[in-house]
Each structure stands twice: as structure tokens, then as C-alpha cells.
């Protein structure tokens, strides 16, 4: 069984037991988080696609940790103008472990 969820402006394909990094969420470590923007749920041959979200669909995850990704280096350079600008960016993330995928009531 797997689901496609949306969080932080991105879409992720998740199954129970998966670990993924998403944009930073305001939840404490060890807390349970419900992700209700479920775009699709597939259980074997039974596929349920939402318009845009699946009614009653919910993915429950546990917050494992918060952190920052590797540095992305940004360099702006203009030739023959003595212009060189360097900048770096480290994006915050939340690491989640998927614990449960639920469909509409009475299913799954």
C-alpha cells in the first residue's frame, strides 16, 4: 500500500515504514503529525485518485528529527566587470517516518 502526499509545495510517494525529509514542520521531535493532503492511495490493484485530494485520506507520520541540508553554493559572476558575488544557503528540513496510511472511513 502506498500514497502520494503533498507537503511543503512538493509531492512524495510514501509507504508505511518509509523515512523522508520534507520542508520544516512546526512539530516537536517524537510528535505525531497528520498529513491530510493525500492525492492518491493505492492498495494493490485498487487505486483511489483524489480531485484534488482523497476524501477521508490521511497519512500519519512521526517526527524523527529536524536539521539542515548540505550547503548550496550560489555564485554570480560577470566577466570583465570585476563582479563576483558568492552566497550560500542551507535549507531546514524535518525527517518523518510514515506510520499509517488511511483511506476513507470503512476502507483500509
PDB file of N, CA and C in Angstrom:
ATOM      1  N   UNK A   1       0.849  -1.175   0.000  1.00  0.00           N
ATOM      2  CA  UNK A   1       0.000   0.000   0.000  1.00  0.00           C
ATOM      3  C   UNK A   1       0.894   1.237   0.000  1.00  0.00           C
ATOM      4  N   UNK A   2       0.579   2.194  -0.858  1.00  0.00           N
ATOM      5  CA  UNK A   2       1.327   3.437  -0.881  1.00  0.00           C
ATOM      6  C   UNK A   2       0.388   4.598  -1.154  1.00  0.00           C
ATOM      7  N   UNK A   3       0.894   5.797  -0.901  1.00  0.00           N
ATOM      8  CA  UNK A   3       0.100   7.007  -1.111  1.00  0.00           C
ATOM      9  C   UNK A   3       0.999   8.095  -1.677  1.00  0.00           C
ATOM     10  N   UNK A   4       0.384   9.058  -2.339  1.00  0.00           N
ATOM     11  CA  UNK A   4       1.084  10.248  -2.812  1.00  0.00           C
ATOM     12  C   UNK A   4       0.535  11.412  -1.999  1.00  0.00           C
ATOM     13  N   UNK A   5       1.434  12.098  -1.281  1.00  0.00           N
ATOM     14  CA  UNK A   5       1.023  13.203  -0.418  1.00  0.00           C
ATOM     15  C   UNK A   5       1.665  14.502  -0.897  1.00  0.00           C
ATOM     16  N   UNK A   6       1.093  15.607  -0.442  1.00  0.00           N
ATOM     17  CA  UNK A   6       1.639  16.921  -0.761  1.00  0.00           C
ATOM     18  C   UNK A   6       1.937  17.655   0.540  1.00  0.00           C
ATOM     19  N   UNK A   7       3.163  18.145   0.667  1.00  0.00           N
ATOM     20  CA  UNK A   7       3.539  18.957   1.809  1.00  0.00           C
ATOM     21  C   UNK A   7       4.713  19.838   1.416  1.00  0.00           C
ATOM     22  N   UNK A   8       4.685  21.076   1.856  1.00  0.00           N
ATOM     23  CA  UNK A   8       5.763  21.996   1.554  1.00  0.00           C
ATOM     24  C   UNK A   8       5.884  22.335   0.083  1.00  0.00           C
ATOM     25  N   UNK A   9       4.779  22.234  -0.674  1.00  0.00           N
ATOM     26  CA  UNK A   9       4.810  22.546  -2.095  1.00  0.00           C
ATOM     27  C   UNK A   9       5.387  21.438  -2.951  1.00  0.00           C
ATOM     28  N   UNK A  10       5.651  20.273  -2.365  1.00  0.00           N
ATOM     29  CA  UNK A  10       6.207  19.150  -3.112  1.00  0.00           C
ATOM     30  C   UNK A  10       5.325  17.923  -2.915  1.00  0.00           C
ATOM     31  N   UNK A  11       5.477  16.954  -3.805  1.00  0.00           N
ATOM     32  CA  UNK A  11       4.714  15.721  -3.719  1.00  0.00           C
ATOM     33  C   UNK A  11       5.664  14.560  -3.462  1.00  0.00           C
ATOM     34  N   UNK A  12       5.228  13.623  -2.607  1.00  0.00           N
ATOM     35  CA  UNK A  12       6.048  12.491  -2.225  1.00  0.00           C
ATOM     36  C   UNK A  12       5.231  11.209  -2.330  1.00  0.00           C
ATOM     37  N   UNK A  13       5.873  10.122  -2.792  1.00  0.00           N
ATOM     38  CA  UNK A  13       5.262   8.801  -2.803  1.00  0.00           C
ATOM     39  C   UNK A  13       5.767   8.081  -1.560  1.00  0.00           C
ATOM     40  N   UNK A  14       4.857   7.680  -0.670  1.00  0.00           N
ATOM     41  CA  UNK A  14       5.247   7.098   0.609  1.00  0.00           C
ATOM     42  C   UNK A  14       4.551   5.765   0.844  1.00  0.00           C
ATOM     43  N   UNK A  15       5.210   4.911   1.596  1.00  0.00           N
ATOM     44  CA  UNK A  15       4.656   3.648   2.084  1.00  0.00           C
ATOM     45  C   UNK A  15       4.882   3.603   3.586  1.00  0.00           C
ATOM     46  N   UNK A  16       4.209   2.689   4.257  1.00  0.00           N
ATOM     47  CA  UNK A  16       4.398   2.564   5.701  1.00  0.00           C
ATOM     48  C   UNK A  16       5.829   2.125   5.986  1.00  0.00           C
ATOM     49  N   UNK A  17       6.439   2.767   6.975  1.00  0.00           N
ATOM     50  CA  UNK A  17       7.819   2.447   7.334  1.00  0.00           C
ATOM     51  C   UNK A  17       8.859   3.292   6.614  1.00  0.00           C
ATOM     52  N   UNK A  18       8.464   4.070   5.618  1.00  0.00           N
ATOM     53  CA  UNK A  18       9.406   4.923   4.887  1.00  0.00           C
ATOM     54  C   UNK A  18       9.867   6.093   5.747  1.00  0.00           C
ATOM     55  N   UNK A  19      11.071   6.571   5.478  1.00  0.00           N
ATOM     56  CA  UNK A  19      11.604   7.769   6.099  1.00  0.00           C
ATOM     57  C   UNK A  19      11.873   8.778   5.000  1.00  0.00           C
ATOM     58  N   UNK A  20      11.405  10.021   5.192  1.00  0.00           N
ATOM     59  CA  UNK A  20      11.633  11.041   4.179  1.00  0.00           C
ATOM     60  C   UNK A  20      11.871  12.387   4.825  1.00  0.00           C
ATOM     61  N   UNK A  21      12.525  13.262   4.057  1.00  0.00           N
ATOM     62  CA  UNK A  21      12.797  14.625   4.505  1.00  0.00           C
ATOM     63  C   UNK A  21      11.877  15.580   3.773  1.00  0.00           C
ATOM     64  N   UNK A  22      11.160  16.374   4.544  1.00  0.00           N
ATOM     65  CA  UNK A  22      10.232  17.354   3.974  1.00  0.00           C
ATOM     66  C   UNK A  22      10.630  18.745   4.464  1.00  0.00           C
ATOM     67  N   UNK A  23       9.995  19.766   3.902  1.00  0.00           N
ATOM     68  CA  UNK A  23      10.238  21.123   4.383  1.00  0.00           C
ATOM     69  C   UNK A  23       9.903  21.185   5.873  1.00  0.00           C
ATOM     70  N   UNK A  24      10.563  22.073   6.601  1.00  0.00           N
ATOM     71  CA  UNK A  24      10.442  22.114   8.059  1.00  0.00           C
ATOM     72  C   UNK A  24       8.987  22.278   8.510  1.00  0.00           C
ATOM     73  N   UNK A  25       8.589  21.421   9.451  1.00  0.00           N
ATOM     74  CA  UNK A  25       7.268  21.472  10.071  1.00  0.00           C
ATOM     75  C   UNK A  25       7.419  21.939  11.510  1.00  0.00           C
ATOM     76  N   UNK A  26       6.408  22.613  12.007  1.00  0.00           N
ATOM     77  CA  UNK A  26       6.454  23.119  13.381  1.00  0.00           C
ATOM     78  C   UNK A  26       5.967  22.105  14.382  1.00  0.00           C
ATOM     79  N   UNK A  27       6.614  20.962  14.471  1.00  0.00           N
ATOM     80  CA  UNK A  27       6.238  19.916  15.423  1.00  0.00           C
ATOM     81  C   UNK A  27       7.489  19.472  16.177  1.00  0.00           C
ATOM     82  N   UNK A  28       7.307  19.051  17.416  1.00  0.00           N
ATOM     83  CA  UNK A  28       8.426  18.599  18.244  1.00  0.00           C
ATOM     84  C   UNK A  28       8.886  17.214  17.799  1.00  0.00           C
ATOM     85  N   UNK A  29      10.141  16.880  18.129  1.00  0.00           N
ATOM     86  CA  UNK A  29      10.649  15.547  17.832  1.00  0.00           C
ATOM     87  C   UNK A  29       9.870  14.509  18.634  1.00  0.00           C
ATOM     88  N   UNK A  30       9.512  13.417  17.984  1.00  0.00           N
ATOM     89  CA  UNK A  30       8.740  12.363  18.619  1.00  0.00           C
ATOM     90  C   UNK A  30       7.245  12.558  18.530  1.00  0.00           C
ATOM     91  N   UNK A  31       6.798  13.738  18.071  1.00  0.00           N
ATOM     92  CA  UNK A  31       5.363  14.006  17.951  1.00  0.00           C
ATOM     93  C   UNK A  31       4.792  13.319  16.709  1.00  0.00           C
ATOM     94  N   UNK A  32       3.496  13.105  16.733  1.00  0.00           N
ATOM     95  CA  UNK A  32       2.798  12.510  15.602  1.00  0.00           C
ATOM     96  C   UNK A  32       2.184  13.625  14.755  1.00  0.00           C
ATOM     97  N   UNK A  33       2.316  13.497  13.439  1.00  0.00           N
ATOM     98  CA  UNK A  33       1.834  14.511  12.514  1.00  0.00           C
ATOM     99  C   UNK A  33       0.872  13.859  11.529  1.00  0.00           C
ATOM    100  N   UNK A  34      -0.294  14.491  11.308  1.00  0.00           N
ATOM    101  CA  UNK A  34      -1.246  14.001  10.312  1.00  0.00           C
ATOM    102  C   UNK A  34      -1.109  14.834   9.049  1.00  0.00           C
ATOM    103  N   UNK A  35      -0.851  14.160   7.928  1.00  0.00           N
ATOM    104  CA  UNK A  35      -0.757  14.812   6.634  1.00  0.00           C
ATOM    105  C   UNK A  35      -2.042  14.473   5.880  1.00  0.00           C
ATOM    106  N   UNK A  36      -2.928  15.472   5.715  1.00  0.00           N
ATOM    107  CA  UNK A  36      -4.243  15.190   5.131  1.00  0.00           C
ATOM    108  C   UNK A  36      -4.357  15.575   3.665  1.00  0.00           C
ATOM    109  N   UNK A  37      -3.304  16.110   3.074  1.00  0.00           N
ATOM    110  CA  UNK A  37      -3.325  16.420   1.643  1.00  0.00           C
ATOM    111  C   UNK A  37      -2.852  15.186   0.871  1.00  0.00           C
ATOM    112  N   UNK A  38      -3.731  14.188   0.792  1.00  0.00           N
ATOM    113  CA  UNK A  38      -3.429  12.928   0.127  1.00  0.00           C
ATOM    114  C   UNK A  38      -3.991  12.999  -1.293  1.00  0.00           C
ATOM    115  N   UNK A  39      -3.115  12.887  -2.279  1.00  0.00           N
ATOM    116  CA  UNK A  39      -3.529  12.992  -3.677  1.00  0.00           C
ATOM    117  C   UNK A  39      -3.967  11.659  -4.250  1.00  0.00           C
ATOM    118  N   UNK A  40      -3.368  10.555  -3.777  1.00  0.00           N
ATOM    119  CA  UNK A  40      -3.691   9.237  -4.312  1.00  0.00           C
ATOM    120  C   UNK A  40      -3.364   8.176  -3.274  1.00  0.00           C
ATOM    121  N   UNK A  41      -4.181   7.126  -3.235  1.00  0.00           N
ATOM    122  CA  UNK A  41      -3.928   5.973  -2.374  1.00  0.00           C
ATOM    123  C   UNK A  41      -4.069   4.729  -3.241  1.00  0.00           C
ATOM    124  N   UNK A  42      -3.070   3.850  -3.192  1.00  0.00           N
ATOM    125  CA  UNK A  42      -3.095   2.607  -3.968  1.00  0.00           C
ATOM    126  C   UNK A  42      -2.902   1.436  -3.021  1.00  0.00           C
ATOM    127  N   UNK A  43      -3.814   0.471  -3.111  1.00  0.00           N
ATOM    128  CA  UNK A  43      -3.728  -0.752  -2.320  1.00  0.00           C
ATOM    129  C   UNK A  43      -3.854  -1.917  -3.284  1.00  0.00           C
ATOM    130  N   UNK A  44      -2.707  -2.394  -3.777  1.00  0.00           N
ATOM    131  CA  UNK A  44      -2.725  -3.452  -4.782  1.00  0.00           C
ATOM    132  C   UNK A  44      -3.274  -2.904  -6.092  1.00  0.00           C
ATOM    133  N   UNK A  45      -4.358  -3.504  -6.584  1.00  0.00           N
ATOM    134  CA  UNK A  45      -4.989  -3.062  -7.825  1.00  0.00           C
ATOM    135  C   UNK A  45      -5.992  -1.936  -7.586  1.00  0.00           C
ATOM    136  N   UNK A  46      -6.412  -1.727  -6.333  1.00  0.00           N
ATOM    137  CA  UNK A  46      -7.386  -0.678  -6.012  1.00  0.00           C
ATOM    138  C   UNK A  46      -6.662   0.662  -5.882  1.00  0.00           C
ATOM    139  N   UNK A  47      -6.914   1.547  -6.823  1.00  0.00           N
ATOM    140  CA  UNK A  47      -6.286   2.867  -6.826  1.00  0.00           C
ATOM    141  C   UNK A  47      -7.370   3.913  -6.674  1.00  0.00           C
ATOM    142  N   UNK A  48      -7.157   4.819  -5.720  1.00  0.00           N
ATOM    143  CA  UNK A  48      -8.115   5.880  -5.469  1.00  0.00           C
ATOM    144  C   UNK A  48      -7.407   7.217  -5.694  1.00  0.00           C
ATOM    145  N   UNK A  49      -7.879   7.992  -6.669  1.00  0.00           N
ATOM    146  CA  UNK A  49      -7.278   9.275  -7.012  1.00  0.00           C
ATOM    147  C   UNK A  49      -8.219  10.381  -6.576  1.00  0.00           C
ATOM    148  N   UNK A  50      -7.678  11.385  -5.909  1.00  0.00           N
ATOM    149  CA  UNK A  50      -8.493  12.481  -5.416  1.00  0.00           C
ATOM    150  C   UNK A  50      -8.658  13.587  -6.434  1.00  0.00           C
ATOM    151  N   UNK A  51      -9.623  14.482  -6.165  1.00  0.00           N
ATOM    152  CA  UNK A  51      -9.888  15.617  -7.048  1.00  0.00           C
ATOM    153  C   UNK A  51      -9.971  16.897  -6.234  1.00  0.00           C
ATOM    154  N   UNK A  52      -8.984  17.538  -5.793  1.00  0.00           N
ATOM    155  CA  UNK A  52      -7.567  17.175  -5.884  1.00  0.00           C
ATOM    156  C   UNK A  52      -7.109  16.246  -4.766  1.00  0.00           C
ATOM    157  N   UNK A  53      -7.844  16.160  -3.655  1.00  0.00           N
ATOM    158  CA  UNK A  53      -7.424  15.313  -2.543  1.00  0.00           C
ATOM    159  C   UNK A  53      -8.429  14.188  -2.328  1.00  0.00           C
ATOM    160  N   UNK A  54      -7.938  13.063  -1.792  1.00  0.00           N
ATOM    161  CA  UNK A  54      -8.789  11.912  -1.491  1.00  0.00           C
ATOM    162  C   UNK A  54      -9.619  12.243  -0.252  1.00  0.00           C
ATOM    163  N   UNK A  55     -10.942  12.088  -0.347  1.00  0.00           N
ATOM    164  CA  UNK A  55     -11.826  12.359   0.795  1.00  0.00           C
ATOM    165  C   UNK A  55     -11.551  11.349   1.903  1.00  0.00           C
ATOM    166  N   UNK A  56     -11.266  11.856   3.087  1.00  0.00           N
ATOM    167  CA  UNK A  56     -11.007  10.983   4.232  1.00  0.00           C
ATOM    168  C   UNK A  56      -9.625  10.360   4.234  1.00  0.00           C
ATOM    169  N   UNK A  57      -8.796  10.675   3.264  1.00  0.00           N
ATOM    170  CA  UNK A  57      -7.444  10.126   3.223  1.00  0.00           C
ATOM    171  C   UNK A  57      -6.541  10.831   4.214  1.00  0.00           C
ATOM    172  N   UNK A  58      -5.695  10.058   4.888  1.00  0.00           N
ATOM    173  CA  UNK A  58      -4.816  10.637   5.891  1.00  0.00           C
ATOM    174  C   UNK A  58      -3.569   9.775   6.016  1.00  0.00           C
ATOM    175  N   UNK A  59      -2.426  10.424   6.124  1.00  0.00           N
ATOM    176  CA  UNK A  59      -1.167   9.732   6.358  1.00  0.00           C
ATOM    177  C   UNK A  59      -0.628  10.237   7.697  1.00  0.00           C
ATOM    178  N   UNK A  60      -0.325   9.300   8.582  1.00  0.00           N
ATOM    179  CA  UNK A  60       0.206   9.642   9.899  1.00  0.00           C
ATOM    180  C   UNK A  60       1.699   9.358   9.916  1.00  0.00           C
ATOM    181  N   UNK A  61       2.459  10.315  10.450  1.00  0.00           N
ATOM    182  CA  UNK A  61       3.914  10.174  10.500  1.00  0.00           C
ATOM    183  C   UNK A  61       4.423  10.617  11.865  1.00  0.00           C
ATOM    184  N   UNK A  62       5.601  10.134  12.217  1.00  0.00           N
ATOM    185  CA  UNK A  62       6.267  10.519  13.450  1.00  0.00           C
ATOM    186  C   UNK A  62       7.489  11.353  13.102  1.00  0.00           C
ATOM    187  N   UNK A  63       7.674  12.460  13.814  1.00  0.00           N
ATOM    188  CA  UNK A  63       8.821  13.334  13.571  1.00  0.00           C
ATOM    189  C   UNK A  63      10.053  12.696  14.214  1.00  0.00           C
ATOM    190  N   UNK A  64      11.048  12.366  13.384  1.00  0.00           N
ATOM    191  CA  UNK A  64      12.289  11.772  13.895  1.00  0.00           C
ATOM    192  C   UNK A  64      13.294  12.837  14.291  1.00  0.00           C
ATOM    193  N   UNK A  65      13.460  13.853  13.436  1.00  0.00           N
ATOM    194  CA  UNK A  65      14.445  14.884  13.748  1.00  0.00           C
ATOM    195  C   UNK A  65      14.232  16.110  12.874  1.00  0.00           C
ATOM    196  N   UNK A  66      14.879  17.192  13.269  1.00  0.00           N
ATOM    197  CA  UNK A  66      14.949  18.409  12.474  1.00  0.00           C
ATOM    198  C   UNK A  66      16.415  18.641  12.139  1.00  0.00           C
ATOM    199  N   UNK A  67      16.670  19.310  11.028  1.00  0.00           N
ATOM    200  CA  UNK A  67      18.068  19.571  10.684  1.00  0.00           C
ATOM    201  C   UNK A  67      18.166  20.515   9.506  1.00  0.00           C
ATOM    202  N   UNK A  68      19.390  20.639   9.010  1.00  0.00           N
ATOM    203  CA  UNK A  68      19.654  21.487   7.861  1.00  0.00           C
ATOM    204  C   UNK A  68      20.392  20.672   6.820  1.00  0.00           C
ATOM    205  N   UNK A  69      20.048  20.893   5.561  1.00  0.00           N
ATOM    206  CA  UNK A  69      20.649  20.153   4.459  1.00  0.00           C
ATOM    207  C   UNK A  69      22.058  20.662   4.183  1.00  0.00           C
ATOM    208  N   UNK A  70      22.746  20.016   3.254  1.00  0.00           N
ATOM    209  CA  UNK A  70      24.071  20.466   2.856  1.00  0.00           C
ATOM    210  C   UNK A  70      23.987  21.842   2.218  1.00  0.00           C
ATOM    211  N   UNK A  71      25.087  22.562   2.272  1.00  0.00           N
ATOM    212  CA  UNK A  71      25.114  23.914   1.742  1.00  0.00           C
ATOM    213  C   UNK A  71      25.058  23.909   0.216  1.00  0.00           C
ATOM    214  N   UNK A  72      24.214  24.782  -0.315  1.00  0.00           N
ATOM    215  CA  UNK A  72      24.136  25.019  -1.748  1.00  0.00           C
ATOM    216  C   UNK A  72      24.889  26.313  -2.008  1.00  0.00           C
ATOM    217  N   UNK A  73      25.874  26.263  -2.900  1.00  0.00           N
ATOM    218  CA  UNK A  73      26.681  27.439  -3.188  1.00  0.00           C
ATOM    219  C   UNK A  73      26.099  28.188  -4.378  1.00  0.00           C
ATOM    220  N   UNK A  74      25.963  29.499  -4.215  1.00  0.00           N
ATOM    221  CA  UNK A  74      25.419  30.357  -5.259  1.00  0.00           C
ATOM    222  C   UNK A  74      26.525  31.331  -5.662  1.00  0.00           C
ATOM    223  N   UNK A  75      26.869  31.355  -6.941  1.00  0.00           N
ATOM    224  CA  UNK A  75      27.908  32.254  -7.431  1.00  0.00           C
ATOM    225  C   UNK A  75      27.349  33.054  -8.595  1.00  0.00           C
ATOM    226  N   UNK A  76      27.438  34.371  -8.492  1.00  0.00           N
ATOM    227  CA  UNK A  76      27.026  35.258  -9.574  1.00  0.00           C
ATOM    228  C   UNK A  76      28.285  35.943 -10.095  1.00  0.00           C
ATOM    229  N   UNK A  77      28.531  35.817 -11.384  1.00  0.00           N
ATOM    230  CA  UNK A  77      29.778  36.298 -11.970  1.00  0.00           C
ATOM    231  C   UNK A  77      29.492  36.995 -13.285  1.00  0.00           C
ATOM    232  N   UNK A  78      30.094  38.159 -13.449  1.00  0.00           N
ATOM    233  CA  UNK A  78      30.013  38.881 -14.724  1.00  0.00           C
ATOM    234  C   UNK A  78      31.431  39.096 -15.223  1.00  0.00           C
ATOM    235  N   UNK A  79      31.709  38.623 -16.395  1.00  0.00           N
ATOM    236  CA  UNK A  79      33.071  38.714 -16.916  1.00  0.00           C
ATOM    237  C   UNK A  79      33.434  40.160 -17.267  1.00  0.00           C
ATOM    238  N   UNK A  80      34.679  40.453 -17.087  1.00  0.00           N
ATOM    239  CA  UNK A  80      35.270  41.756 -17.410  1.00  0.00           C
ATOM    240  C   UNK A  80      34.631  42.920 -16.662  1.00  0.00           C
ATOM    241  N   UNK A  81      33.913  42.679 -15.597  1.00  0.00           N
ATOM    242  CA  UNK A  81      33.267  43.756 -14.833  1.00  0.00           C
ATOM    243  C   UNK A  81      33.744  43.783 -13.382  1.00  0.00           C
ATOM    244  N   UNK A  82      34.677  42.907 -13.025  1.00  0.00           N
ATOM    245  CA  UNK A  82      35.152  42.785 -11.651  1.00  0.00           C
ATOM    246  C   UNK A  82      33.985  42.545 -10.693  1.00  0.00           C
ATOM    247  N   UNK A  83      33.052  41.711 -11.143  1.00  0.00           N
ATOM    248  CA  UNK A  83      31.878  41.426 -10.318  1.00  0.00           C
ATOM    249  C   UNK A  83      31.848  39.939 -10.002  1.00  0.00           C
ATOM    250  N   UNK A  84      31.922  39.613  -8.729  1.00  0.00           N
ATOM    251  CA  UNK A  84      31.815  38.233  -8.271  1.00  0.00           C
ATOM    252  C   UNK A  84      31.101  38.259  -6.930  1.00  0.00           C
ATOM    253  N   UNK A  85      29.989  37.576  -6.856  1.00  0.00           N
ATOM    254  CA  UNK A  85      29.209  37.541  -5.626  1.00  0.00           C
ATOM    255  C   UNK A  85      29.011  36.084  -5.240  1.00  0.00           C
ATOM    256  N   UNK A  86      29.355  35.760  -4.004  1.00  0.00           N
ATOM    257  CA  UNK A  86      29.188  34.389  -3.510  1.00  0.00           C
ATOM    258  C   UNK A  86      28.201  34.391  -2.358  1.00  0.00           C
ATOM    259  N   UNK A  87      27.407  33.344  -2.340  1.00  0.00           N
ATOM    260  CA  UNK A  87      26.410  33.216  -1.286  1.00  0.00           C
ATOM    261  C   UNK A  87      26.172  31.732  -1.042  1.00  0.00           C
ATOM    262  N   UNK A  88      25.755  31.383   0.163  1.00  0.00           N
ATOM    263  CA  UNK A  88      25.437  30.002   0.485  1.00  0.00           C
ATOM    264  C   UNK A  88      24.069  29.918   1.140  1.00  0.00           C
ATOM    265  N   UNK A  89      23.467  28.729   1.044  1.00  0.00           N
ATOM    266  CA  UNK A  89      22.135  28.539   1.633  1.00  0.00           C
ATOM    267  C   UNK A  89      22.029  27.118   2.172  1.00  0.00           C
ATOM    268  N   UNK A  90      21.512  26.990   3.387  1.00  0.00           N
ATOM    269  CA  UNK A  90      21.230  25.677   3.967  1.00  0.00           C
ATOM    270  C   UNK A  90      19.756  25.636   4.331  1.00  0.00           C
ATOM    271  N   UNK A  91      19.022  24.721   3.714  1.00  0.00           N
ATOM    272  CA  UNK A  91      17.576  24.623   3.893  1.00  0.00           C
ATOM    273  C   UNK A  91      17.243  23.771   5.116  1.00  0.00           C
ATOM    274  N   UNK A  92      16.300  24.240   5.926  1.00  0.00           N
ATOM    275  CA  UNK A  92      15.822  23.464   7.071  1.00  0.00           C
ATOM    276  C   UNK A  92      14.929  22.331   6.585  1.00  0.00           C
ATOM    277  N   UNK A  93      14.979  21.185   7.274  1.00  0.00           N
ATOM    278  CA  UNK A  93      14.114  20.057   6.934  1.00  0.00           C
ATOM    279  C   UNK A  93      13.630  19.365   8.200  1.00  0.00           C
ATOM    280  N   UNK A  94      12.574  18.575   8.030  1.00  0.00           N
ATOM    281  CA  UNK A  94      12.056  17.708   9.085  1.00  0.00           C
ATOM    282  C   UNK A  94      12.070  16.287   8.542  1.00  0.00           C
ATOM    283  N   UNK A  95      12.632  15.378   9.297  1.00  0.00           N
ATOM    284  CA  UNK A  95      12.692  13.981   8.884  1.00  0.00           C
ATOM    285  C   UNK A  95      11.506  13.249   9.500  1.00  0.00           C
ATOM    286  N   UNK A  96      10.690  12.618   8.643  1.00  0.00           N
ATOM    287  CA  UNK A  96       9.477  11.931   9.085  1.00  0.00           C
ATOM    288  C   UNK A  96       9.589  10.433   8.831  1.00  0.00           C
ATOM    289  N   UNK A  97       8.948   9.650   9.711  1.00  0.00           N
ATOM    290  CA  UNK A  97       8.789   8.218   9.485  1.00  0.00           C
ATOM    291  C   UNK A  97       7.290   7.942   9.361  1.00  0.00           C
ATOM    292  N   UNK A  98       6.889   7.372   8.235  1.00  0.00           N
ATOM    293  CA  UNK A  98       5.474   7.105   7.957  1.00  0.00           C
ATOM    294  C   UNK A  98       5.034   5.903   8.783  1.00  0.00           C
ATOM    295  N   UNK A  99       3.962   6.088   9.570  1.00  0.00           N
ATOM    296  CA  UNK A  99       3.485   5.019  10.431  1.00  0.00           C
ATOM    297  C   UNK A  99       2.171   4.404   9.954  1.00  0.00           C
ATOM    298  N   UNK A 100       1.300   5.194   9.302  1.00  0.00           N
ATOM    299  CA  UNK A 100      -0.005   4.675   8.921  1.00  0.00           C
ATOM    300  C   UNK A 100      -0.541   5.430   7.703  1.00  0.00           C
ATOM    301  N   UNK A 101      -1.167   4.678   6.790  1.00  0.00           N
ATOM    302  CA  UNK A 101      -1.856   5.266   5.642  1.00  0.00           C
ATOM    303  C   UNK A 101      -3.312   4.848   5.730  1.00  0.00           C
ATOM    304  N   UNK A 102      -4.222   5.839   5.744  1.00  0.00           N
ATOM    305  CA  UNK A 102      -5.644   5.539   5.856  1.00  0.00           C
ATOM    306  C   UNK A 102      -6.404   6.090   4.664  1.00  0.00           C
ATOM    307  N   UNK A 103      -7.386   5.333   4.195  1.00  0.00           N
ATOM    308  CA  UNK A 103      -8.288   5.802   3.149  1.00  0.00           C
ATOM    309  C   UNK A 103      -9.534   6.359   3.829  1.00  0.00           C
ATOM    310  N   UNK A 104     -10.609   6.481   3.061  1.00  0.00           N
ATOM    311  CA  UNK A 104     -11.876   6.960   3.610  1.00  0.00           C
ATOM    312  C   UNK A 104     -12.375   5.965   4.659  1.00  0.00           C
ATOM    313  N   UNK A 105     -13.287   6.428   5.518  1.00  0.00           N
ATOM    314  CA  UNK A 105     -13.835   5.596   6.579  1.00  0.00           C
ATOM    315  C   UNK A 105     -14.409   4.301   6.014  1.00  0.00           C
ATOM    316  N   UNK A 106     -14.124   3.188   6.706  1.00  0.00           N
ATOM    317  CA  UNK A 106     -14.656   1.905   6.268  1.00  0.00           C
ATOM    318  C   UNK A 106     -13.787   1.227   5.244  1.00  0.00           C
ATOM    319  N   UNK A 107     -12.719   1.885   4.772  1.00  0.00           N
ATOM    320  CA  UNK A 107     -11.807   1.283   3.803  1.00  0.00           C
ATOM    321  C   UNK A 107     -10.392   1.408   4.324  1.00  0.00           C
ATOM    322  N   UNK A 108      -9.652   0.306   4.375  1.00  0.00           N
ATOM    323  CA  UNK A 108      -8.238   0.342   4.752  1.00  0.00           C
ATOM    324  C   UNK A 108      -7.933   0.569   6.140  1.00  0.00           C
TER     325      UNK A 108
END
